Protein backbone atom coordinates (compact mmCIF):
# COMPACT_ATOMS: atom_id res chain seq x y z
CA MET A 1 72.98 21.22 -0.74
CA PHE A 2 71.82 20.78 2.86
CA THR A 3 68.56 22.49 3.82
CA THR A 4 66.63 22.46 7.11
CA ARG A 5 63.62 21.04 5.29
CA PRO A 6 62.89 19.86 1.77
CA THR A 7 61.41 22.13 -0.85
CA LEU A 8 57.93 20.61 -1.04
CA GLN A 9 56.68 19.60 -4.48
CA GLY A 10 53.32 18.42 -5.79
CA THR A 11 50.51 19.22 -8.20
CA PHE A 12 47.39 19.79 -6.08
CA GLY A 13 48.15 22.82 -3.93
CA MET A 14 50.81 24.49 -1.81
CA VAL A 15 50.60 26.81 1.21
CA SER A 16 53.32 28.55 3.19
CA SER A 17 52.67 30.77 6.20
CA THR A 18 54.19 31.98 9.45
CA HIS A 19 52.12 29.54 11.56
CA TRP A 20 51.45 25.87 11.00
CA LEU A 21 47.77 26.10 11.97
CA ALA A 22 47.16 28.77 9.34
CA SER A 23 48.99 26.71 6.72
CA GLN A 24 47.04 23.57 7.52
CA SER A 25 43.71 25.43 7.65
CA ALA A 26 44.38 26.82 4.19
CA MET A 27 45.27 23.34 2.97
CA ALA A 28 42.01 22.01 4.41
CA VAL A 29 40.12 24.56 2.31
CA LEU A 30 41.99 23.43 -0.81
CA GLU A 31 41.19 19.81 0.01
CA ASP A 32 37.54 20.79 0.34
CA GLY A 33 37.49 22.12 -3.21
CA GLY A 34 38.31 25.75 -2.51
CA ASN A 35 40.77 27.78 -4.52
CA ALA A 36 43.86 29.73 -3.45
CA TYR A 37 41.80 32.78 -2.47
CA ASP A 38 39.36 30.84 -0.29
CA ALA A 39 42.37 29.23 1.37
CA ALA A 40 44.16 32.54 1.90
CA VAL A 41 41.15 34.11 3.61
CA ALA A 42 40.73 31.14 5.93
CA ALA A 43 44.43 31.30 6.82
CA GLY A 44 44.27 35.05 7.34
CA PHE A 45 41.54 34.77 9.95
CA VAL A 46 43.34 31.90 11.68
CA LEU A 47 46.45 34.09 11.93
CA HIS A 48 44.35 36.66 13.81
CA VAL A 49 43.71 33.97 16.43
CA VAL A 50 47.03 32.16 16.70
CA GLU A 51 49.37 35.14 16.16
CA PRO A 52 47.50 37.95 17.96
CA HIS A 53 50.80 39.61 18.87
CA LEU A 54 51.54 39.89 15.14
CA ASN A 55 48.23 40.83 13.52
CA GLY A 56 44.50 41.31 14.06
CA PRO A 57 41.21 41.94 12.22
CA ALA A 58 41.51 45.73 12.72
CA GLY A 59 45.03 45.81 11.31
CA GLU A 60 45.94 45.94 7.64
CA VAL A 61 46.92 43.64 4.78
CA PRO A 62 48.30 44.27 1.30
CA ILE A 63 47.56 41.35 -1.02
CA ILE A 64 49.03 40.55 -4.44
CA LEU A 65 47.05 38.08 -6.51
CA ALA A 66 47.66 36.41 -9.85
CA PRO A 67 44.49 34.71 -11.15
CA ALA A 68 45.17 31.82 -13.51
CA ASP A 69 43.16 33.60 -16.19
CA GLY A 70 43.86 37.26 -15.42
CA ALA A 71 46.34 40.01 -14.73
CA VAL A 72 48.30 40.49 -11.50
CA ARG A 73 46.53 42.90 -9.16
CA VAL A 74 47.21 44.50 -5.78
CA LEU A 75 44.36 44.52 -3.26
CA CYS A 76 45.06 47.32 -0.81
CA GLY A 77 43.91 46.60 2.73
CA GLN A 78 45.71 49.59 4.21
CA GLY A 79 43.23 52.01 5.75
CA VAL A 80 43.57 55.77 5.60
CA ALA A 81 44.00 58.43 8.27
CA PRO A 82 40.62 59.45 9.77
CA ALA A 83 39.17 62.85 8.90
CA GLY A 84 40.16 64.19 12.31
CA ALA A 85 43.76 62.96 12.13
CA THR A 86 45.34 66.27 11.20
CA ILE A 87 48.86 67.40 11.98
CA ALA A 88 47.41 70.41 13.80
CA HIS A 89 45.40 68.13 16.10
CA TYR A 90 48.45 66.07 17.11
CA ARG A 91 50.70 69.10 17.43
CA GLY A 92 48.03 70.72 19.58
CA LEU A 93 48.42 67.78 21.96
CA GLY A 94 52.13 68.57 22.27
CA LEU A 95 53.27 65.65 20.11
CA ASP A 96 56.21 65.61 17.70
CA LEU A 97 55.59 62.03 16.59
CA VAL A 98 52.43 59.93 16.36
CA PRO A 99 52.46 57.64 19.43
CA GLY A 100 53.49 54.03 18.87
CA THR A 101 50.44 52.70 20.71
CA GLY A 102 46.92 53.83 21.55
CA PRO A 103 43.94 55.13 19.54
CA LEU A 104 45.73 58.25 18.24
CA ALA A 105 47.81 55.85 16.12
CA ALA A 106 44.78 54.03 14.68
CA ALA A 107 44.08 54.35 10.96
CA VAL A 108 40.77 53.19 9.53
CA PRO A 109 41.02 49.38 9.92
CA GLY A 110 41.75 47.75 6.57
CA ALA A 111 42.35 44.01 6.92
CA PHE A 112 38.78 42.75 7.29
CA ASP A 113 37.43 44.50 4.21
CA ALA A 114 40.37 43.37 2.07
CA TRP A 115 39.86 39.74 3.06
CA MET A 116 36.14 40.07 2.32
CA MET A 117 36.76 41.54 -1.13
CA LEU A 118 39.27 38.80 -1.95
CA LEU A 119 36.72 36.16 -0.96
CA ARG A 120 33.82 37.86 -2.78
CA ASP A 121 35.61 38.62 -6.04
CA HIS A 122 37.98 35.68 -6.41
CA GLY A 123 36.89 32.95 -4.00
CA THR A 124 34.22 30.30 -4.30
CA LYS A 125 33.32 29.44 -0.69
CA PRO A 126 30.60 30.92 1.54
CA LEU A 127 31.80 33.11 4.39
CA ALA A 128 30.92 30.55 7.05
CA ASP A 129 33.09 27.93 5.37
CA VAL A 130 36.26 30.02 5.62
CA LEU A 131 35.58 31.51 9.06
CA LYS A 132 34.94 28.16 10.76
CA TYR A 133 38.63 27.45 11.32
CA ALA A 134 39.27 30.74 13.12
CA ILE A 135 36.06 30.38 15.12
CA GLY A 136 37.09 26.89 16.17
CA TYR A 137 40.53 27.93 17.41
CA ALA A 138 39.14 30.99 19.20
CA GLU A 139 36.26 29.09 20.80
CA ASP A 140 37.77 25.67 21.51
CA GLY A 141 41.31 26.91 22.01
CA HIS A 142 44.77 26.39 20.55
CA ALA A 143 48.19 25.82 22.08
CA PRO A 144 49.93 29.22 21.69
CA VAL A 145 53.51 29.71 20.60
CA GLU A 146 55.87 30.96 23.31
CA ARG A 147 56.05 34.48 21.92
CA VAL A 148 52.35 35.14 22.69
CA GLY A 149 52.86 34.60 26.40
CA GLU A 150 56.16 36.48 26.41
CA THR A 151 54.50 39.48 24.78
CA VAL A 152 51.63 39.43 27.28
CA ASP A 153 54.06 39.15 30.19
CA ALA A 154 55.99 42.15 28.85
CA VAL A 155 52.87 44.34 29.01
CA ARG A 156 51.30 42.69 32.05
CA ALA A 157 51.51 45.81 34.22
CA LEU A 158 49.89 47.93 31.53
CA PHE A 159 47.09 45.39 31.04
CA GLU A 160 46.43 45.07 34.75
CA THR A 161 46.38 48.83 35.48
CA GLU A 162 45.29 50.55 32.25
CA TRP A 163 44.22 48.20 29.46
CA THR A 164 42.01 46.03 31.62
CA SER A 165 39.90 44.76 28.70
CA SER A 166 43.09 43.21 27.33
CA ALA A 167 43.78 41.56 30.68
CA GLN A 168 40.35 39.91 30.52
CA VAL A 169 41.33 38.15 27.29
CA TYR A 170 45.07 37.59 27.69
CA LEU A 171 45.41 37.22 31.48
CA PRO A 172 42.47 35.00 32.45
CA ASP A 173 42.86 34.07 36.11
CA GLY A 174 46.02 36.19 36.07
CA ARG A 175 47.91 33.75 33.84
CA SER A 176 49.38 34.60 30.48
CA PRO A 177 48.99 32.14 27.58
CA ARG A 178 51.30 29.14 27.99
CA PRO A 179 52.62 26.70 25.37
CA GLY A 180 50.96 23.31 25.72
CA GLU A 181 47.87 24.76 27.38
CA LEU A 182 44.73 25.69 25.46
CA PHE A 183 44.21 29.41 25.05
CA ARG A 184 40.78 30.70 24.05
CA ASN A 185 39.36 34.03 22.88
CA PRO A 186 35.60 33.53 23.32
CA ALA A 187 34.84 37.19 22.65
CA LEU A 188 36.41 36.94 19.18
CA ALA A 189 34.57 33.71 18.42
CA ALA A 190 31.31 35.34 19.52
CA THR A 191 31.99 38.31 17.22
CA TRP A 192 32.33 36.10 14.16
CA ARG A 193 29.33 33.96 15.15
CA ARG A 194 27.17 37.07 15.56
CA LEU A 195 28.42 38.38 12.23
CA LEU A 196 27.45 35.14 10.49
CA ASP A 197 24.03 35.16 12.17
CA GLU A 198 23.33 38.72 11.04
CA VAL A 199 24.21 38.07 7.40
CA SER A 200 22.76 34.58 7.06
CA GLY A 201 19.56 35.74 5.36
CA ALA A 202 21.18 38.28 3.04
CA GLY A 203 20.97 36.09 -0.07
CA ASP A 204 23.64 34.28 -2.04
CA ARG A 205 27.34 33.98 -1.23
CA VAL A 206 28.22 37.40 -2.62
CA ALA A 207 25.30 39.10 -0.86
CA GLU A 208 26.34 37.59 2.48
CA ILE A 209 29.91 38.82 2.09
CA ASP A 210 28.73 42.32 1.19
CA ALA A 211 26.40 42.26 4.18
CA ALA A 212 29.34 41.30 6.39
CA ARG A 213 31.28 44.28 5.05
CA GLU A 214 28.39 46.54 6.01
CA VAL A 215 28.27 45.09 9.52
CA TRP A 216 31.96 45.92 9.86
CA ARG A 217 31.47 49.44 8.50
CA SER A 218 28.23 50.48 10.16
CA GLY A 219 26.85 47.68 12.32
CA PHE A 220 27.70 46.40 15.79
CA ILE A 221 31.40 46.03 14.97
CA ALA A 222 31.73 49.63 13.78
CA GLU A 223 29.89 50.91 16.84
CA ALA A 224 32.23 49.04 19.18
CA LEU A 225 35.36 50.23 17.34
CA VAL A 226 34.28 53.86 17.55
CA ARG A 227 33.43 53.55 21.25
CA GLN A 228 36.89 52.17 21.88
CA ALA A 229 38.57 54.95 19.88
CA ARG A 230 36.86 57.54 22.09
CA ARG A 231 38.08 55.99 25.36
CA PRO A 232 41.06 57.83 26.92
CA THR A 233 43.94 55.39 26.59
CA MET A 234 47.52 55.38 27.89
CA ASP A 235 49.98 55.36 24.97
CA THR A 236 53.74 55.65 24.40
CA SER A 237 53.62 59.41 25.06
CA GLY A 238 53.02 58.52 28.71
CA GLU A 239 49.61 60.21 28.64
CA ARG A 240 46.04 59.16 27.98
CA HIS A 241 44.57 60.21 24.66
CA THR A 242 41.41 59.57 22.67
CA GLY A 243 41.58 58.69 18.99
CA THR A 244 40.11 60.32 15.90
CA LEU A 245 38.27 57.36 14.33
CA THR A 246 34.54 58.04 13.72
CA ALA A 247 31.55 56.19 12.32
CA ALA A 248 31.83 58.27 9.14
CA ASP A 249 35.45 57.20 8.68
CA LEU A 250 34.50 53.54 8.90
CA ALA A 251 31.45 53.86 6.68
CA GLY A 252 33.33 55.77 3.99
CA TRP A 253 36.30 53.48 3.37
CA SER A 254 36.74 50.25 1.45
CA ALA A 255 39.66 48.20 0.19
CA THR A 256 40.68 48.90 -3.42
CA TYR A 257 42.32 47.17 -6.36
CA GLU A 258 45.22 48.69 -8.27
CA ALA A 259 47.91 47.72 -10.74
CA PRO A 260 51.19 46.57 -9.21
CA ALA A 261 54.47 48.43 -9.41
CA THR A 262 56.78 46.28 -11.55
CA TYR A 263 60.40 45.93 -12.62
CA ASP A 264 61.95 43.59 -15.20
CA TRP A 265 65.25 41.91 -14.35
CA ARG A 266 66.91 39.16 -16.39
CA GLY A 267 63.66 37.65 -17.65
CA TRP A 268 61.86 38.07 -14.34
CA THR A 269 59.15 40.61 -13.58
CA LEU A 270 58.78 41.52 -9.92
CA CYS A 271 55.35 42.79 -8.81
CA LYS A 272 54.90 44.90 -5.67
CA ALA A 273 52.41 47.25 -4.04
CA GLY A 274 52.91 50.92 -4.93
CA PRO A 275 54.83 53.61 -3.05
CA TRP A 276 52.18 53.89 -0.34
CA SER A 277 54.08 50.77 0.79
CA GLN A 278 57.84 50.24 0.76
CA GLY A 279 57.40 47.68 -2.04
CA PRO A 280 59.24 49.59 -4.77
CA VAL A 281 62.36 49.52 -2.58
CA LEU A 282 62.87 45.91 -3.69
CA LEU A 283 62.44 46.95 -7.32
CA GLN A 284 64.95 49.77 -7.00
CA GLN A 285 67.47 47.50 -5.32
CA LEU A 286 67.36 45.37 -8.47
CA ALA A 287 67.56 48.46 -10.67
CA LEU A 288 70.70 49.55 -8.84
CA LEU A 289 72.55 46.29 -9.53
CA PRO A 290 75.33 46.47 -12.13
CA PRO A 291 75.27 44.20 -15.19
CA GLU A 292 77.91 41.92 -13.69
CA LEU A 293 77.47 40.78 -10.09
CA PRO A 294 80.17 39.65 -7.66
CA ARG A 295 80.24 36.02 -6.57
CA TYR A 296 77.08 35.12 -4.64
CA GLY A 297 77.65 35.34 -0.88
CA SER A 298 81.05 37.02 -1.12
CA ALA A 299 81.89 40.13 0.91
CA GLU A 300 81.80 42.17 -2.29
CA TYR A 301 78.32 40.80 -3.06
CA VAL A 302 76.97 41.60 0.42
CA HIS A 303 78.59 45.05 0.35
CA LEU A 304 77.03 45.82 -3.05
CA LEU A 305 73.54 44.85 -1.89
CA VAL A 306 73.80 46.69 1.42
CA GLU A 307 74.99 49.91 -0.19
CA GLY A 308 72.30 49.70 -2.87
CA CYS A 309 69.70 49.15 -0.17
CA LYS A 310 70.84 52.31 1.62
CA LEU A 311 70.29 54.35 -1.54
CA ALA A 312 66.87 52.83 -2.20
CA MET A 313 65.80 53.37 1.41
CA ALA A 314 66.98 56.98 1.29
CA ASP A 315 64.75 57.47 -1.74
CA ARG A 316 61.92 55.84 0.19
CA GLU A 317 62.34 58.41 2.94
CA ALA A 318 62.35 61.36 0.55
CA TRP A 319 59.80 60.29 -2.06
CA TYR A 320 57.40 57.52 -0.94
CA GLY A 321 53.97 58.20 0.51
CA ASP A 322 50.29 58.60 -0.27
CA ALA A 323 50.17 62.35 0.43
CA ALA A 324 51.92 63.37 -2.80
CA GLU A 325 52.57 62.21 -6.35
CA VAL A 326 55.55 59.84 -6.34
CA PRO A 327 57.89 59.94 -9.39
CA LEU A 328 58.11 56.16 -9.44
CA ASP A 329 58.89 55.77 -13.15
CA GLU A 330 61.93 57.99 -12.74
CA LEU A 331 62.98 56.33 -9.48
CA LEU A 332 63.06 52.97 -11.29
CA SER A 333 64.51 54.23 -14.57
CA GLU A 334 67.87 53.06 -15.88
CA PRO A 335 69.43 56.56 -16.24
CA TYR A 336 68.48 57.51 -12.69
CA ASN A 337 69.81 54.28 -11.17
CA ALA A 338 72.95 54.30 -13.27
CA ALA A 339 73.75 57.68 -11.74
CA ARG A 340 72.82 56.46 -8.25
CA ARG A 341 74.96 53.36 -8.74
CA ALA A 342 78.03 55.58 -8.91
CA PHE A 343 77.55 56.39 -5.21
CA VAL A 344 78.40 52.79 -4.30
CA GLY A 345 82.09 52.81 -3.43
CA ASP A 346 84.45 50.38 -1.72
CA LYS A 347 83.60 51.70 1.74
CA ALA A 348 80.37 51.59 3.74
CA SER A 349 78.33 54.78 3.65
CA TYR A 350 77.13 56.34 6.90
CA GLU A 351 75.01 58.99 5.13
CA LEU A 352 71.34 59.22 4.20
CA ARG A 353 71.58 60.16 0.50
CA PRO A 354 68.27 60.53 -1.33
CA GLY A 355 68.42 61.31 -5.04
CA SER A 356 66.79 63.97 -7.23
CA PRO A 357 64.58 62.27 -9.85
CA GLY A 358 63.79 64.68 -12.64
CA GLY A 359 65.91 67.32 -10.94
CA ARG A 360 63.50 67.64 -8.03
CA ASP A 361 64.92 68.46 -4.62
CA PRO A 362 64.44 65.65 -2.09
CA ARG A 363 62.47 66.54 1.04
CA LEU A 364 63.27 64.75 4.29
CA SER A 365 61.45 65.31 7.55
CA GLY A 366 63.24 67.29 10.23
CA HIS A 367 63.24 64.17 12.40
CA ALA A 368 64.89 62.11 9.64
CA ARG A 369 67.54 64.77 9.14
CA ALA A 370 68.22 64.81 12.87
CA VAL A 371 68.71 61.06 13.23
CA ALA A 372 70.70 60.90 9.98
CA THR A 373 73.24 63.38 11.33
CA GLY A 374 73.83 61.30 14.41
CA GLU A 375 71.78 63.17 16.95
CA PRO A 376 72.16 61.15 20.17
CA GLY A 377 69.35 59.17 21.69
CA PHE A 378 68.00 57.46 18.59
CA ASP A 379 68.51 53.74 18.08
CA ALA A 380 65.91 51.95 16.01
CA LEU A 381 66.82 48.59 17.55
CA ALA A 382 67.36 49.52 21.18
CA ALA A 383 64.45 51.89 21.74
CA PRO A 384 61.51 50.19 23.47
CA GLY A 385 58.25 50.75 21.67
CA ALA A 386 59.84 50.72 18.23
CA GLY A 387 57.50 48.81 15.94
CA GLU A 388 58.27 45.63 14.08
CA PRO A 389 61.44 43.96 15.38
CA THR A 390 64.37 42.36 13.67
CA MET A 391 64.73 38.68 14.39
CA ALA A 392 68.35 39.41 15.37
CA ARG A 393 67.11 40.60 18.74
CA ALA A 394 64.90 37.60 19.36
CA ALA A 395 66.66 36.72 22.59
CA ALA A 396 65.78 40.10 24.05
CA GLU A 397 62.29 40.53 22.68
CA PRO A 398 59.67 41.57 23.30
CA GLU A 399 60.91 44.76 24.92
CA VAL A 400 58.63 47.01 26.90
CA ALA A 401 58.87 50.64 27.90
CA SER A 402 57.70 52.15 31.16
CA ASP A 403 54.55 53.30 29.37
CA GLY A 404 53.82 49.81 28.09
CA GLY A 405 55.04 50.23 24.53
CA THR A 406 56.32 46.99 23.06
CA ARG A 407 57.38 45.79 19.65
CA GLY A 408 54.92 44.21 17.26
CA ASP A 409 55.67 42.20 14.17
CA THR A 410 53.87 40.76 11.17
CA CYS A 411 52.66 37.58 9.47
CA HIS A 412 52.84 36.32 5.93
CA LEU A 413 51.09 33.70 3.81
CA ASP A 414 51.34 32.41 0.23
CA VAL A 415 49.06 29.99 -1.63
CA VAL A 416 49.08 28.42 -5.09
CA ASP A 417 46.36 26.00 -6.21
CA ARG A 418 46.07 23.29 -8.86
CA TRP A 419 44.48 25.75 -11.31
CA GLY A 420 47.45 28.11 -11.12
CA ASN A 421 45.87 30.83 -8.98
CA MET A 422 48.51 32.45 -6.78
CA VAL A 423 48.37 34.88 -3.86
CA ALA A 424 50.78 36.56 -1.44
CA ALA A 425 49.56 38.49 1.62
CA THR A 426 51.29 40.21 4.54
CA PRO A 427 48.81 40.76 7.41
CA SER A 428 49.92 42.97 10.29
CA GLY A 429 48.81 45.56 12.82
CA GLY A 430 46.03 45.38 15.36
CA TRP A 431 48.47 43.61 17.67
CA LEU A 432 47.43 42.74 21.21
CA GLN A 433 50.11 45.20 22.41
CA SER A 434 49.02 48.03 20.06
CA ASN A 435 45.73 49.09 21.68
CA PRO A 436 43.36 47.79 24.34
CA VAL A 437 41.12 44.91 23.30
CA VAL A 438 37.68 46.15 22.30
CA PRO A 439 35.74 44.31 25.02
CA GLU A 440 32.69 43.61 22.85
CA LEU A 441 34.81 42.20 20.00
CA GLY A 442 37.91 40.45 21.39
CA PHE A 443 40.51 42.33 19.30
CA PRO A 444 42.18 45.79 19.37
CA LEU A 445 42.57 48.69 16.96
CA GLY A 446 45.81 49.15 15.03
CA THR A 447 48.62 51.72 15.13
CA ARG A 448 49.71 52.25 11.52
CA LEU A 449 49.45 56.05 11.70
CA GLN A 450 52.73 56.02 13.66
CA MET A 451 54.45 55.77 10.25
CA ALA A 452 53.25 59.21 9.10
CA TRP A 453 55.17 62.40 9.88
CA LEU A 454 53.74 65.32 11.85
CA GLU A 455 55.29 67.78 9.41
CA GLU A 456 53.55 69.45 6.46
CA GLY A 457 54.56 69.06 2.83
CA LEU A 458 56.10 65.58 2.88
CA PRO A 459 54.98 62.60 0.77
CA ASN A 460 54.29 60.76 4.03
CA SER A 461 52.81 63.65 6.04
CA LEU A 462 49.85 62.67 8.20
CA THR A 463 46.89 63.57 5.95
CA PRO A 464 43.18 62.75 6.46
CA GLY A 465 41.98 60.35 3.79
CA ARG A 466 45.50 59.26 2.86
CA ARG A 467 47.30 56.03 3.69
CA PRO A 468 50.32 56.13 5.99
CA ARG A 469 53.29 54.62 4.21
CA THR A 470 53.41 51.02 5.32
CA THR A 471 56.30 48.58 5.56
CA LEU A 472 54.06 45.68 4.49
CA THR A 473 55.21 44.37 1.16
CA PRO A 474 54.26 40.96 -0.31
CA SER A 475 55.89 39.94 -3.59
CA LEU A 476 54.89 38.08 -6.73
CA ALA A 477 57.32 37.14 -9.50
CA LEU A 478 56.69 36.36 -13.14
CA ARG A 479 59.09 34.54 -15.44
CA ASP A 480 58.81 35.52 -19.10
CA GLY A 481 55.47 37.11 -18.26
CA VAL A 482 53.95 34.10 -16.46
CA PRO A 483 53.38 34.07 -12.66
CA VAL A 484 55.77 31.57 -11.08
CA MET A 485 56.41 32.58 -7.44
CA ALA A 486 54.73 34.31 -4.48
CA PHE A 487 56.77 35.19 -1.42
CA GLY A 488 57.19 37.52 1.54
CA THR A 489 58.28 37.91 5.14
CA PRO A 490 57.50 39.71 8.39
CA GLY A 491 60.07 42.19 9.66
CA GLY A 492 59.10 45.84 9.23
CA ASP A 493 61.81 47.82 7.46
CA GLN A 494 63.77 44.61 6.91
CA GLN A 495 61.11 43.00 4.70
CA ASP A 496 62.39 44.21 1.33
CA GLN A 497 65.98 43.63 2.38
CA TRP A 498 65.40 39.97 3.23
CA GLN A 499 63.14 39.49 0.20
CA THR A 500 65.74 40.92 -2.18
CA HIS A 501 68.35 38.50 -0.86
CA PHE A 502 65.88 35.61 -1.09
CA PHE A 503 64.88 36.46 -4.65
CA LEU A 504 68.49 36.73 -5.80
CA SER A 505 69.24 33.41 -4.09
CA VAL A 506 66.49 31.82 -6.17
CA ALA A 507 67.44 33.60 -9.39
CA LEU A 508 71.22 33.15 -9.18
CA ARG A 509 71.57 29.64 -7.80
CA PRO A 510 71.16 26.33 -9.69
CA GLN A 511 67.73 24.78 -9.70
CA VAL A 512 67.06 21.77 -7.49
CA ARG A 513 65.11 18.72 -8.68
CA GLY A 514 63.90 20.60 -11.74
CA GLY A 515 62.27 23.42 -9.74
CA LEU A 516 63.09 26.57 -7.84
CA ASP A 517 65.25 26.02 -4.76
CA LEU A 518 62.86 27.80 -2.42
CA GLN A 519 64.01 26.18 0.80
CA GLY A 520 67.68 26.65 0.00
CA ALA A 521 67.09 30.35 -0.66
CA ILE A 522 65.11 30.71 2.57
CA ASP A 523 67.79 28.91 4.60
CA ALA A 524 70.71 30.87 3.13
CA PRO A 525 72.45 33.21 5.62
CA ASN A 526 70.73 36.58 5.54
CA TRP A 527 71.44 40.11 6.78
CA HIS A 528 70.01 43.61 7.14
CA ASN A 529 71.08 47.18 7.80
CA ASP A 530 69.44 50.02 9.76
CA SER A 531 71.13 52.97 8.02
CA PHE A 532 67.88 54.88 7.51
CA PRO A 533 65.08 56.16 9.78
CA SER A 534 62.89 53.40 11.17
CA SER A 535 59.25 53.44 10.12
CA PHE A 536 58.21 52.84 13.73
CA HIS A 537 58.10 55.01 16.81
CA PRO A 538 60.53 56.44 17.94
CA ARG A 539 61.86 56.51 14.35
CA GLY A 540 65.58 56.03 15.02
CA MET A 541 68.43 54.74 12.84
CA ARG A 542 71.94 53.25 13.12
CA PRO A 543 74.19 54.66 10.38
CA GLY A 544 76.65 52.15 8.99
CA SER A 545 75.11 49.22 10.83
CA LEU A 546 75.01 45.73 9.35
CA THR A 547 73.62 42.68 11.12
CA VAL A 548 74.62 39.24 9.78
CA GLU A 549 73.91 35.71 10.93
CA SER A 550 76.77 33.89 12.63
CA ARG A 551 76.66 31.30 9.84
CA THR A 552 78.19 33.96 7.60
CA ASP A 553 81.78 33.09 6.66
CA GLU A 554 84.26 34.71 9.07
CA MET A 555 86.38 35.94 6.18
CA VAL A 556 83.32 37.68 4.72
CA VAL A 557 82.60 39.37 8.07
CA GLU A 558 86.25 40.46 8.39
CA GLU A 559 86.21 41.98 4.89
CA LEU A 560 82.92 43.78 5.53
CA ARG A 561 84.41 45.33 8.65
CA ARG A 562 87.50 46.33 6.69
CA ARG A 563 85.15 48.13 4.29
CA GLY A 564 83.80 50.14 7.21
CA HIS A 565 80.56 48.34 8.04
CA ASP A 566 79.61 48.35 11.73
CA VAL A 567 78.93 44.60 11.77
CA THR A 568 76.88 42.86 14.45
CA VAL A 569 77.14 39.09 14.32
CA ALA A 570 73.75 37.80 15.45
CA GLU A 571 72.55 34.30 16.23
CA SER A 572 72.92 31.67 13.53
CA TRP A 573 69.21 31.65 12.56
CA SER A 574 68.09 35.20 13.23
CA GLU A 575 67.64 37.08 9.95
CA GLY A 576 64.46 36.82 7.88
CA ARG A 577 61.29 34.73 8.05
CA LEU A 578 60.50 34.03 4.41
CA CYS A 579 57.54 32.09 3.06
CA ALA A 580 57.30 31.12 -0.61
CA VAL A 581 55.28 29.06 -3.07
CA ALA A 582 55.96 28.53 -6.77
CA ARG A 583 54.57 26.97 -9.92
CA ASN A 584 56.43 25.68 -12.96
CA PRO A 585 54.17 26.67 -15.86
CA ALA A 586 55.82 24.15 -18.20
CA THR A 587 55.08 21.12 -16.00
CA GLY A 588 52.40 22.28 -13.58
CA VAL A 589 54.60 21.20 -10.65
CA LEU A 590 54.00 23.30 -7.52
CA SER A 591 56.56 23.88 -4.78
CA ALA A 592 56.79 25.56 -1.38
CA GLY A 593 59.24 26.40 1.37
CA ALA A 594 58.99 28.00 4.80
CA ASN A 595 61.32 29.65 7.24
CA PRO A 596 62.81 27.60 10.10
CA ARG A 597 63.71 30.75 12.07
CA GLY A 598 61.30 31.27 14.96
CA MET A 599 60.15 27.65 14.73
CA GLN A 600 56.53 28.27 13.76
CA GLY A 601 56.40 28.84 10.00
CA TYR A 602 55.50 25.82 7.89
CA ALA A 603 54.73 24.89 4.31
CA VAL A 604 52.24 22.15 3.44
CA GLY A 605 51.05 20.74 0.16
CA ARG A 606 50.67 17.76 -2.07
């Protein structure tokens, strides 16, 4: 079949990421003798430089890793709510929702420590060897993709009048970053150079990495982050607020390892982060599938997946979060999903219908109930300031509100090396449009707390010391118990929709050239729905909505509309931005594919 690019194949190493410079930097680490984890860390820090509108060092990153000689693990780089981030505090400020921008939305930064732990525990390279690529691009410059400049232009007025430290970095001489011209972030390069200088005498490789973690937690970086959090900052509420992050919050948190949530389907085992993420949504979508599936790509097939997604997302709204015990075993059980499957009829549902695992009553936030019943004024796609965008609105993005709120998105990277080590990571947050740049550091705080509810007693209630439920959700797949594929995508609430479609494309279609058809599955027409509350401020939804690419067969679109779906036909290459790498354990052949949508994701390997 025709694909936009070949599925790469080789035996030495494969990398796929959302930016070619990150992919090639990771490949350079592999060529220099590093393993998949060294390469992933190098790529992660390059992404902070070349996709600053999509992620940053003070954002977050969930990582799934499959060591060649060990069990699959999740490394959680999602920070918690600070001790002062109580519902009472935000309500006392007159807020009903956590703002979409500004320091009130900042969780304890998680990405840096997670990358450091991955490098320390599973890598082989010294810190300086993996940071040199990011330092080089920040110091010497790189040619930015168009979206960086467009994002900066969208928030230009805010930068020039309120977030002036951001203007110093992103509007030098009053000009936004332009494609074909070198863009530099000397403050960020200086931060990493100072970090390396301060840890250079700490001892061996591991001691240096641990020393770097301490600098982040309690040294000059921590001090600068706390100073920034205490500065009154204009946010999407239209007012200036200070944040709640303190030195004690930074000093007391570290990334953690945990077992993945898993589900077995037709000889595959899918591994995801737990229900502090939206990861189990992909697992439940598989659990909801009937034994016999309609023809791949048919209207009946799309309808089945969309309606199953709505049920899984409704359960996410009612049950997922870090502030309560989540009945995940029941949510993924066959009896529960067999009963839920009965709700999938011939017509599109416009309702938000969470289930009752174990007979428990579902608990939705008042806001979710309001938007689910069609209260006017909520549109997850149209509202400026709503978090991670769908690619379907690429022509209109980035949008900006009068208060400066604009949409952010996410990155993804996958690596597999010649030894069989495999990793998938989805860095996000800490966007240039999320908070002002910390002037001493060259990067901003994040805004992940906007995903928590300001209502007591919910699984995702804002709770000090607890993680806000994140949309970030990398994937790793095993075949007959052996790791064979790592994959993921940017896209907020759409991530586990696009990934489910991708995985089924791989699993249900014939193999190509003796391996998995990664590129064909990435290129296949994709879709998403917004029939559930958005995870991002202002938390809207579009009941019954379905967005498909214009490459979708017209007869399929007509039949979906006949079934009651409110179908939007988007541009031909607008849905999903998948990355994927794979390994055939029988032959040792590695493969990779990358998304052509957005024209910046690339796979490399040999």
